[in-house]
Amino acid sequence: VEQAVDLMRAARQVFCLGQGGSMLLANDICARFSSLSNKFRTIMSTTTNFWELLQQRQDELTKSGRAVADYLVHHADEAQYLS
């Protein structure tokens, strides 16, 4: 948990997204976190796939964000269980 907090603190932007029922949860979480900082963003498109979003926003990622994205791309079969 401490590592996740450190990563969110260091991030320029934090995107909260989900698909299906998880989208509602992601929106709720984003609303709660956005009361603490304006860096939290929610993605409310039901047609935007996580992998499409990752490709679209690749140039906006920090060095550490690119490292996480690279891990997710290469471990996509495991990534579905991360939450």
C-alpha atoms as a PDB file:
ATOM      1  CA  VAL A   1       0.000   0.000   0.000  1.00  0.00           C
ATOM      2  CA  GLU A   2       2.828   2.405   0.844  1.00  0.00           C
ATOM      3  CA  GLN A   3       4.410   1.821  -2.557  1.00  0.00           C
ATOM      4  CA  ALA A   4       1.095   2.532  -4.307  1.00  0.00           C
ATOM      5  CA  VAL A   5       0.712   5.759  -2.317  1.00  0.00           C
ATOM      6  CA  ASP A   6       4.254   6.817  -3.210  1.00  0.00           C
ATOM      7  CA  LEU A   7       3.622   6.136  -6.905  1.00  0.00           C
ATOM      8  CA  MET A   8       0.381   8.145  -6.887  1.00  0.00           C
ATOM      9  CA  ARG A   9       2.055  11.030  -5.083  1.00  0.00           C
ATOM     10  CA  ALA A  10       4.880  11.097  -7.635  1.00  0.00           C
ATOM     11  CA  ALA A  11       2.585  10.849 -10.665  1.00  0.00           C
ATOM     12  CA  ARG A  12       1.615  13.859 -12.764  1.00  0.00           C
ATOM     13  CA  GLN A  13      -1.744  12.266 -13.546  1.00  0.00           C
ATOM     14  CA  VAL A  14      -3.567   9.218 -12.240  1.00  0.00           C
ATOM     15  CA  PHE A  15      -6.244   7.676 -14.450  1.00  0.00           C
ATOM     16  CA  CYS A  16      -9.083   5.774 -12.789  1.00  0.00           C
ATOM     17  CA  LEU A  17     -10.846   3.466 -15.198  1.00  0.00           C
ATOM     18  CA  GLY A  18     -12.723   0.232 -15.319  1.00  0.00           C
ATOM     19  CA  GLN A  19     -14.930  -1.767 -17.625  1.00  0.00           C
ATOM     20  CA  GLY A  20     -18.442  -2.898 -16.870  1.00  0.00           C
ATOM     21  CA  GLY A  21     -19.367  -2.678 -13.195  1.00  0.00           C
ATOM     22  CA  SER A  22     -15.783  -1.755 -12.347  1.00  0.00           C
ATOM     23  CA  MET A  23     -16.288   1.537 -14.207  1.00  0.00           C
ATOM     24  CA  LEU A  24     -18.707   2.670 -11.501  1.00  0.00           C
ATOM     25  CA  LEU A  25     -16.214   1.784  -8.796  1.00  0.00           C
ATOM     26  CA  ALA A  26     -13.382   3.547 -10.642  1.00  0.00           C
ATOM     27  CA  ASN A  27     -15.526   6.670 -10.964  1.00  0.00           C
ATOM     28  CA  ASP A  28     -16.316   6.610  -7.240  1.00  0.00           C
ATOM     29  CA  ILE A  29     -12.670   6.129  -6.298  1.00  0.00           C
ATOM     30  CA  CYS A  30     -11.619   8.944  -8.606  1.00  0.00           C
ATOM     31  CA  ALA A  31     -14.187  11.293  -7.073  1.00  0.00           C
ATOM     32  CA  ARG A  32     -12.862  10.523  -3.590  1.00  0.00           C
ATOM     33  CA  PHE A  33      -9.215  10.974  -4.544  1.00  0.00           C
ATOM     34  CA  SER A  34      -9.918  14.137  -6.551  1.00  0.00           C
ATOM     35  CA  SER A  35     -10.972  15.835  -3.315  1.00  0.00           C
ATOM     36  CA  LEU A  36      -7.311  15.479  -2.261  1.00  0.00           C
ATOM     37  CA  SER A  37      -5.592  16.334  -5.543  1.00  0.00           C
ATOM     38  CA  ASN A  38      -6.483  17.502  -9.050  1.00  0.00           C
ATOM     39  CA  LYS A  39      -4.223  14.895 -10.696  1.00  0.00           C
ATOM     40  CA  PHE A  40      -6.915  12.186 -10.649  1.00  0.00           C
ATOM     41  CA  ARG A  41      -8.865  11.647 -13.880  1.00  0.00           C
ATOM     42  CA  THR A  42     -11.662   9.284 -14.728  1.00  0.00           C
ATOM     43  CA  ILE A  43     -12.367   7.734 -18.112  1.00  0.00           C
ATOM     44  CA  MET A  44     -16.110   7.337 -18.604  1.00  0.00           C
ATOM     45  CA  SER A  45     -16.153   5.875 -22.106  1.00  0.00           C
ATOM     46  CA  THR A  46     -17.761   2.473 -22.309  1.00  0.00           C
ATOM     47  CA  THR A  47     -16.082   1.882 -25.667  1.00  0.00           C
ATOM     48  CA  THR A  48     -12.523   2.737 -24.610  1.00  0.00           C
ATOM     49  CA  ASN A  49     -10.579  -0.405 -23.930  1.00  0.00           C
ATOM     50  CA  PHE A  50      -7.712  -0.227 -21.413  1.00  0.00           C
ATOM     51  CA  TRP A  51      -5.188  -1.368 -24.011  1.00  0.00           C
ATOM     52  CA  GLU A  52      -6.418   1.235 -26.519  1.00  0.00           C
ATOM     53  CA  LEU A  53      -6.164   3.919 -23.856  1.00  0.00           C
ATOM     54  CA  LEU A  54      -2.651   2.812 -22.989  1.00  0.00           C
ATOM     55  CA  GLN A  55      -1.595   3.177 -26.615  1.00  0.00           C
ATOM     56  CA  GLN A  56      -3.366   6.541 -27.036  1.00  0.00           C
ATOM     57  CA  ARG A  57      -1.754   8.063 -23.928  1.00  0.00           C
ATOM     58  CA  GLN A  58       1.707   6.462 -24.228  1.00  0.00           C
ATOM     59  CA  ASP A  59       3.396   9.804 -24.920  1.00  0.00           C
ATOM     60  CA  GLU A  60       1.921  11.313 -21.735  1.00  0.00           C
ATOM     61  CA  LEU A  61       3.482   8.731 -19.437  1.00  0.00           C
ATOM     62  CA  THR A  62       6.434   9.441 -17.187  1.00  0.00           C
ATOM     63  CA  LYS A  63       9.475   7.169 -17.227  1.00  0.00           C
ATOM     64  CA  SER A  64       8.045   5.109 -14.373  1.00  0.00           C
ATOM     65  CA  GLY A  65       4.625   5.093 -16.046  1.00  0.00           C
ATOM     66  CA  ARG A  66       6.180   3.688 -19.205  1.00  0.00           C
ATOM     67  CA  ALA A  67       7.841   0.983 -17.106  1.00  0.00           C
ATOM     68  CA  VAL A  68       4.472   0.001 -15.625  1.00  0.00           C
ATOM     69  CA  ALA A  69       2.815   0.116 -19.052  1.00  0.00           C
ATOM     70  CA  ASP A  70       5.576  -2.045 -20.511  1.00  0.00           C
ATOM     71  CA  TYR A  71       5.096  -4.579 -17.727  1.00  0.00           C
ATOM     72  CA  LEU A  72       1.334  -4.663 -18.284  1.00  0.00           C
ATOM     73  CA  VAL A  73       1.700  -5.133 -22.024  1.00  0.00           C
ATOM     74  CA  HIS A  74       4.127  -8.021 -21.563  1.00  0.00           C
ATOM     75  CA  HIS A  75       2.065  -9.625 -18.778  1.00  0.00           C
ATOM     76  CA  ALA A  76      -1.430  -8.965 -20.134  1.00  0.00           C
ATOM     77  CA  ASP A  77      -2.701 -12.392 -19.101  1.00  0.00           C
ATOM     78  CA  GLU A  78      -1.847 -11.611 -15.453  1.00  0.00           C
ATOM     79  CA  ALA A  79      -2.817  -7.928 -15.576  1.00  0.00           C
ATOM     80  CA  GLN A  80      -6.515  -8.706 -15.622  1.00  0.00           C
ATOM     81  CA  TYR A  81      -6.222  -9.751 -11.962  1.00  0.00           C
ATOM     82  CA  LEU A  82      -4.551  -6.533 -10.801  1.00  0.00           C
ATOM     83  CA  SER A  83      -6.891  -4.122  -9.075  1.00  0.00           C
END
